[in-house]
Amino acid sequence: MELELKLESRLSAYVALTVVIISVFMALCKVQDGNLVDAMLHSDVKMVDTWNEYQAERIKMHDDENNAASLKIHSGIAGVDVVAASAEEARLAGEAAKYAKSSGVLAKEARGYERIYESAERRHNQFSTTEAYCAIALAVAAVAALTNFLPLLFVAWFVGAYGMIAGLAGFMGWISPLFG
């Protein structure tokens, strides 16, 4: 009887320690994951805004190119001031070149925001994996405590360790297909 109580109290202590360690780790991961989600939202907004600016620049460029082509066609009509039309054509060509250059810069900037978002999303997935495995570990540890079955606690430790490794990889920025 006394031996059984000692085993039960030791198992309860191990389960309690397991729950504390995994719960604290999950809380830390949740804070980091929240920061990643904020970064993803910010990057997504900046990416969409930058792509919108890119498209506006491209539309302006195409309008100027079309207007220059129209002027070229109309400059052959009698009564049109050829010098003024040529000057306007040159101005429009310069504007179109300016828009082409700035749209290239905007496209590069938008792709940078896409990369930031994708990186944060991969790390977010790792923290989701961490949360799932740690939750499973907590559930298995609870069942081990209820059933007084020590091998279940070992299973909880194994599953929890995998979740914690995934979380540590997320903190360190290590991206691995093994962790989400």
C-alpha atoms as a PDB file:
ATOM      1  CA  MET A   1       0.000   0.000   0.000  1.00  0.00           C
ATOM      2  CA  GLU A   2       2.755   2.426   0.989  1.00  0.00           C
ATOM      3  CA  LEU A   3       4.777   1.558  -2.116  1.00  0.00           C
ATOM      4  CA  GLU A   4       1.708   2.174  -4.269  1.00  0.00           C
ATOM      5  CA  LEU A   5       1.157   5.599  -2.668  1.00  0.00           C
ATOM      6  CA  LYS A   6       4.800   6.575  -3.196  1.00  0.00           C
ATOM      7  CA  LEU A   7       4.581   5.619  -6.883  1.00  0.00           C
ATOM      8  CA  GLU A   8       1.296   7.510  -7.221  1.00  0.00           C
ATOM      9  CA  SER A   9       2.668  10.637  -5.511  1.00  0.00           C
ATOM     10  CA  ARG A  10       5.881  10.524  -7.588  1.00  0.00           C
ATOM     11  CA  LEU A  11       3.825  10.125 -10.757  1.00  0.00           C
ATOM     12  CA  SER A  12       1.649  13.059  -9.706  1.00  0.00           C
ATOM     13  CA  ALA A  13       4.735  15.170  -9.080  1.00  0.00           C
ATOM     14  CA  TYR A  14       6.160  14.261 -12.489  1.00  0.00           C
ATOM     15  CA  VAL A  15       2.851  15.064 -14.159  1.00  0.00           C
ATOM     16  CA  ALA A  16       2.638  18.386 -12.350  1.00  0.00           C
ATOM     17  CA  LEU A  17       6.183  19.291 -13.356  1.00  0.00           C
ATOM     18  CA  THR A  18       5.449  18.248 -16.938  1.00  0.00           C
ATOM     19  CA  VAL A  19       2.320  20.402 -17.025  1.00  0.00           C
ATOM     20  CA  VAL A  20       4.148  23.437 -15.646  1.00  0.00           C
ATOM     21  CA  ILE A  21       7.076  23.176 -18.056  1.00  0.00           C
ATOM     22  CA  ILE A  22       4.926  22.584 -21.129  1.00  0.00           C
ATOM     23  CA  SER A  23       2.383  25.253 -20.170  1.00  0.00           C
ATOM     24  CA  VAL A  24       5.038  27.924 -19.615  1.00  0.00           C
ATOM     25  CA  PHE A  25       6.710  27.012 -22.897  1.00  0.00           C
ATOM     26  CA  MET A  26       3.361  27.162 -24.705  1.00  0.00           C
ATOM     27  CA  ALA A  27       2.695  30.616 -23.237  1.00  0.00           C
ATOM     28  CA  LEU A  28       6.065  31.903 -24.455  1.00  0.00           C
ATOM     29  CA  CYS A  29       5.419  30.430 -27.894  1.00  0.00           C
ATOM     30  CA  LYS A  30       1.978  32.027 -27.985  1.00  0.00           C
ATOM     31  CA  VAL A  31       3.494  35.471 -27.372  1.00  0.00           C
ATOM     32  CA  GLN A  32       6.040  34.973 -30.156  1.00  0.00           C
ATOM     33  CA  ASP A  33       3.350  33.585 -32.459  1.00  0.00           C
ATOM     34  CA  GLY A  34       1.190  36.643 -31.791  1.00  0.00           C
ATOM     35  CA  ASN A  35       4.104  38.863 -32.785  1.00  0.00           C
ATOM     36  CA  LEU A  36       4.529  36.844 -35.984  1.00  0.00           C
ATOM     37  CA  VAL A  37       0.847  37.187 -36.832  1.00  0.00           C
ATOM     38  CA  ASP A  38       1.144  40.962 -36.342  1.00  0.00           C
ATOM     39  CA  ALA A  39       4.173  41.005 -38.656  1.00  0.00           C
ATOM     40  CA  MET A  40       2.265  38.943 -41.217  1.00  0.00           C
ATOM     41  CA  LEU A  41      -0.664  41.362 -41.141  1.00  0.00           C
ATOM     42  CA  HIS A  42       1.644  44.349 -41.504  1.00  0.00           C
ATOM     43  CA  SER A  43       3.542  42.741 -44.390  1.00  0.00           C
ATOM     44  CA  ASP A  44       0.314  41.731 -46.090  1.00  0.00           C
ATOM     45  CA  VAL A  45      -1.091  45.263 -45.899  1.00  0.00           C
ATOM     46  CA  LYS A  46       2.170  46.782 -47.140  1.00  0.00           C
ATOM     47  CA  MET A  47       2.393  44.205 -49.943  1.00  0.00           C
ATOM     48  CA  VAL A  48      -1.154  44.879 -51.179  1.00  0.00           C
ATOM     49  CA  ASP A  49      -0.659  48.633 -50.934  1.00  0.00           C
ATOM     50  CA  THR A  50       2.631  48.457 -52.827  1.00  0.00           C
ATOM     51  CA  TRP A  51       1.159  46.268 -55.568  1.00  0.00           C
ATOM     52  CA  ASN A  52      -1.690  48.801 -55.882  1.00  0.00           C
ATOM     53  CA  GLU A  53       0.859  51.597 -56.297  1.00  0.00           C
ATOM     54  CA  TYR A  54       2.681  49.473 -58.872  1.00  0.00           C
ATOM     55  CA  GLN A  55      -0.502  48.999 -60.868  1.00  0.00           C
ATOM     56  CA  ALA A  56      -1.309  52.720 -60.707  1.00  0.00           C
ATOM     57  CA  GLU A  57       2.172  53.535 -62.041  1.00  0.00           C
ATOM     58  CA  ARG A  58       1.751  51.018 -64.851  1.00  0.00           C
ATOM     59  CA  ILE A  59      -1.644  52.476 -65.795  1.00  0.00           C
ATOM     60  CA  LYS A  60      -0.170  55.982 -65.916  1.00  0.00           C
ATOM     61  CA  MET A  61       2.719  54.678 -68.032  1.00  0.00           C
ATOM     62  CA  HIS A  62       0.347  53.008 -70.499  1.00  0.00           C
ATOM     63  CA  ASP A  63      -1.826  56.138 -70.679  1.00  0.00           C
ATOM     64  CA  ASP A  64       1.201  58.277 -71.497  1.00  0.00           C
ATOM     65  CA  GLU A  65       2.399  55.774 -74.103  1.00  0.00           C
ATOM     66  CA  ASN A  66      -1.048  55.721 -75.707  1.00  0.00           C
ATOM     67  CA  ASN A  67      -1.286  59.520 -75.674  1.00  0.00           C
ATOM     68  CA  ALA A  68       2.172  59.795 -77.275  1.00  0.00           C
ATOM     69  CA  ALA A  69       1.154  57.313 -79.981  1.00  0.00           C
ATOM     70  CA  SER A  70      -2.056  59.249 -80.589  1.00  0.00           C
ATOM     71  CA  LEU A  71      -0.141  62.516 -80.896  1.00  0.00           C
ATOM     72  CA  LYS A  72       2.230  60.901 -83.368  1.00  0.00           C
ATOM     73  CA  ILE A  73      -0.731  59.840 -85.508  1.00  0.00           C
ATOM     74  CA  HIS A  74      -2.416  63.230 -85.244  1.00  0.00           C
ATOM     75  CA  SER A  75       0.753  65.220 -85.953  1.00  0.00           C
ATOM     76  CA  GLY A  76       0.480  64.223 -89.613  1.00  0.00           C
ATOM     77  CA  ILE A  77      -2.883  65.968 -89.953  1.00  0.00           C
ATOM     78  CA  ALA A  78      -2.865  69.392 -91.585  1.00  0.00           C
ATOM     79  CA  GLY A  79      -3.108  72.331 -89.230  1.00  0.00           C
ATOM     80  CA  VAL A  80      -1.452  70.592 -86.261  1.00  0.00           C
ATOM     81  CA  ASP A  81       1.567  72.347 -84.764  1.00  0.00           C
ATOM     82  CA  VAL A  82       4.240  69.698 -85.405  1.00  0.00           C
ATOM     83  CA  VAL A  83       6.774  71.264 -83.029  1.00  0.00           C
ATOM     84  CA  ALA A  84       4.282  71.404 -80.150  1.00  0.00           C
ATOM     85  CA  ALA A  85       3.122  67.853 -80.863  1.00  0.00           C
ATOM     86  CA  SER A  86       6.729  66.596 -80.929  1.00  0.00           C
ATOM     87  CA  ALA A  87       7.490  68.383 -77.657  1.00  0.00           C
ATOM     88  CA  GLU A  88       4.418  66.839 -76.042  1.00  0.00           C
ATOM     89  CA  GLU A  89       5.393  63.409 -77.408  1.00  0.00           C
ATOM     90  CA  ALA A  90       8.843  63.770 -75.859  1.00  0.00           C
ATOM     91  CA  ARG A  91       7.345  64.865 -72.531  1.00  0.00           C
ATOM     92  CA  LEU A  92       4.954  61.905 -72.524  1.00  0.00           C
ATOM     93  CA  ALA A  93       7.768  59.493 -73.408  1.00  0.00           C
ATOM     94  CA  GLY A  94       9.793  60.881 -70.488  1.00  0.00           C
ATOM     95  CA  GLU A  95       6.834  60.457 -68.130  1.00  0.00           C
ATOM     96  CA  ALA A  96       6.286  56.896 -69.351  1.00  0.00           C
ATOM     97  CA  ALA A  97       9.967  56.092 -68.742  1.00  0.00           C
ATOM     98  CA  LYS A  98       9.721  57.582 -65.243  1.00  0.00           C
ATOM     99  CA  TYR A  99       6.651  55.432 -64.485  1.00  0.00           C
ATOM    100  CA  ALA A 100       8.360  52.318 -65.888  1.00  0.00           C
ATOM    101  CA  LYS A 101      11.341  52.879 -63.585  1.00  0.00           C
ATOM    102  CA  SER A 102       9.256  53.602 -60.476  1.00  0.00           C
ATOM    103  CA  SER A 103       6.975  50.621 -61.130  1.00  0.00           C
ATOM    104  CA  GLY A 104      10.045  48.371 -61.255  1.00  0.00           C
ATOM    105  CA  VAL A 105      11.133  49.675 -57.855  1.00  0.00           C
ATOM    106  CA  LEU A 106       7.624  49.136 -56.475  1.00  0.00           C
ATOM    107  CA  ALA A 107       7.488  45.564 -57.813  1.00  0.00           C
ATOM    108  CA  LYS A 108      10.802  44.782 -56.090  1.00  0.00           C
ATOM    109  CA  GLU A 109       9.523  46.313 -52.833  1.00  0.00           C
ATOM    110  CA  ALA A 110       6.264  44.330 -53.020  1.00  0.00           C
ATOM    111  CA  ARG A 111       8.180  41.081 -53.583  1.00  0.00           C
ATOM    112  CA  GLY A 112      10.223  41.902 -50.476  1.00  0.00           C
ATOM    113  CA  TYR A 113       7.018  42.183 -48.440  1.00  0.00           C
ATOM    114  CA  GLU A 114       5.900  38.846 -49.918  1.00  0.00           C
ATOM    115  CA  ARG A 115       9.124  37.202 -48.733  1.00  0.00           C
ATOM    116  CA  ILE A 116       8.706  38.678 -45.241  1.00  0.00           C
ATOM    117  CA  TYR A 117       5.136  37.386 -45.112  1.00  0.00           C
ATOM    118  CA  GLU A 118       6.096  33.899 -46.312  1.00  0.00           C
ATOM    119  CA  SER A 119       8.924  33.636 -43.798  1.00  0.00           C
ATOM    120  CA  ALA A 120       6.673  34.744 -40.938  1.00  0.00           C
ATOM    121  CA  GLU A 121       3.992  32.332 -42.106  1.00  0.00           C
ATOM    122  CA  ARG A 122       6.412  29.388 -42.025  1.00  0.00           C
ATOM    123  CA  ARG A 123       7.477  30.302 -38.477  1.00  0.00           C
ATOM    124  CA  HIS A 124       3.808  30.766 -37.516  1.00  0.00           C
ATOM    125  CA  ASN A 125       3.131  27.241 -38.790  1.00  0.00           C
ATOM    126  CA  GLN A 126       5.969  25.950 -36.626  1.00  0.00           C
ATOM    127  CA  PHE A 127       4.402  27.559 -33.564  1.00  0.00           C
ATOM    128  CA  SER A 128       1.051  26.023 -34.519  1.00  0.00           C
ATOM    129  CA  THR A 129       2.762  22.639 -34.640  1.00  0.00           C
ATOM    130  CA  THR A 130       4.305  23.365 -31.253  1.00  0.00           C
ATOM    131  CA  GLU A 131       0.919  24.221 -29.796  1.00  0.00           C
ATOM    132  CA  ALA A 132      -0.673  21.061 -31.183  1.00  0.00           C
ATOM    133  CA  TYR A 133       2.029  18.699 -29.915  1.00  0.00           C
ATOM    134  CA  CYS A 134       2.232  20.371 -26.514  1.00  0.00           C
ATOM    135  CA  ALA A 135      -1.556  20.180 -26.135  1.00  0.00           C
ATOM    136  CA  ILE A 136      -1.414  16.466 -26.972  1.00  0.00           C
ATOM    137  CA  ALA A 137       1.384  16.031 -24.424  1.00  0.00           C
ATOM    138  CA  LEU A 138      -0.682  17.766 -21.738  1.00  0.00           C
ATOM    139  CA  ALA A 139      -3.688  15.571 -22.498  1.00  0.00           C
ATOM    140  CA  VAL A 140      -1.605  12.373 -22.375  1.00  0.00           C
ATOM    141  CA  ALA A 141       0.010  13.518 -19.099  1.00  0.00           C
ATOM    142  CA  ALA A 142      -3.445  14.103 -17.642  1.00  0.00           C
ATOM    143  CA  VAL A 143      -4.519  10.604 -18.638  1.00  0.00           C
ATOM    144  CA  ALA A 144      -1.309   9.221 -17.119  1.00  0.00           C
ATOM    145  CA  ALA A 145      -2.175  10.948 -13.847  1.00  0.00           C
ATOM    146  CA  LEU A 146      -5.758   9.647 -13.904  1.00  0.00           C
ATOM    147  CA  THR A 147      -4.775   6.078 -14.705  1.00  0.00           C
ATOM    148  CA  ASN A 148      -1.543   5.991 -12.686  1.00  0.00           C
ATOM    149  CA  PHE A 149       0.145   4.532 -15.760  1.00  0.00           C
ATOM    150  CA  LEU A 150       3.774   5.647 -15.944  1.00  0.00           C
ATOM    151  CA  PRO A 151       4.407   4.633 -19.613  1.00  0.00           C
ATOM    152  CA  LEU A 152       1.814   7.200 -20.685  1.00  0.00           C
ATOM    153  CA  LEU A 153       3.860   9.892 -18.981  1.00  0.00           C
ATOM    154  CA  PHE A 154       6.849   8.817 -21.072  1.00  0.00           C
ATOM    155  CA  VAL A 155       4.709   9.177 -24.177  1.00  0.00           C
ATOM    156  CA  ALA A 156       3.696  12.662 -23.001  1.00  0.00           C
ATOM    157  CA  TRP A 157       7.351  13.576 -22.521  1.00  0.00           C
ATOM    158  CA  PHE A 158       8.257  12.324 -25.987  1.00  0.00           C
ATOM    159  CA  VAL A 159       5.416  14.198 -27.682  1.00  0.00           C
ATOM    160  CA  GLY A 160       6.076  17.298 -25.564  1.00  0.00           C
ATOM    161  CA  ALA A 161       9.780  17.181 -26.415  1.00  0.00           C
ATOM    162  CA  TYR A 162       8.961  17.121 -30.126  1.00  0.00           C
ATOM    163  CA  GLY A 163       6.646  20.108 -29.655  1.00  0.00           C
ATOM    164  CA  MET A 164       9.286  21.979 -27.680  1.00  0.00           C
ATOM    165  CA  ILE A 165      11.945  21.291 -30.322  1.00  0.00           C
ATOM    166  CA  ALA A 166       9.566  22.658 -32.952  1.00  0.00           C
ATOM    167  CA  GLY A 167       9.011  25.725 -30.775  1.00  0.00           C
ATOM    168  CA  LEU A 168      12.718  26.265 -30.219  1.00  0.00           C
ATOM    169  CA  ALA A 169      13.239  25.989 -33.979  1.00  0.00           C
ATOM    170  CA  GLY A 170      10.576  28.671 -34.391  1.00  0.00           C
ATOM    171  CA  PHE A 171      12.302  30.943 -31.871  1.00  0.00           C
ATOM    172  CA  MET A 172      15.638  30.458 -33.613  1.00  0.00           C
ATOM    173  CA  GLY A 173      14.140  30.998 -37.066  1.00  0.00           C
ATOM    174  CA  TRP A 174      15.091  27.522 -38.240  1.00  0.00           C
ATOM    175  CA  ILE A 175      12.686  26.471 -40.936  1.00  0.00           C
ATOM    176  CA  SER A 176      12.211  22.739 -41.295  1.00  0.00           C
ATOM    177  CA  PRO A 177       9.516  20.660 -42.978  1.00  0.00           C
ATOM    178  CA  LEU A 178       9.598  18.403 -39.890  1.00  0.00           C
ATOM    179  CA  PHE A 179       8.021  21.127 -37.775  1.00  0.00           C
ATOM    180  CA  GLY A 180       5.068  22.297 -39.822  1.00  0.00           C
END
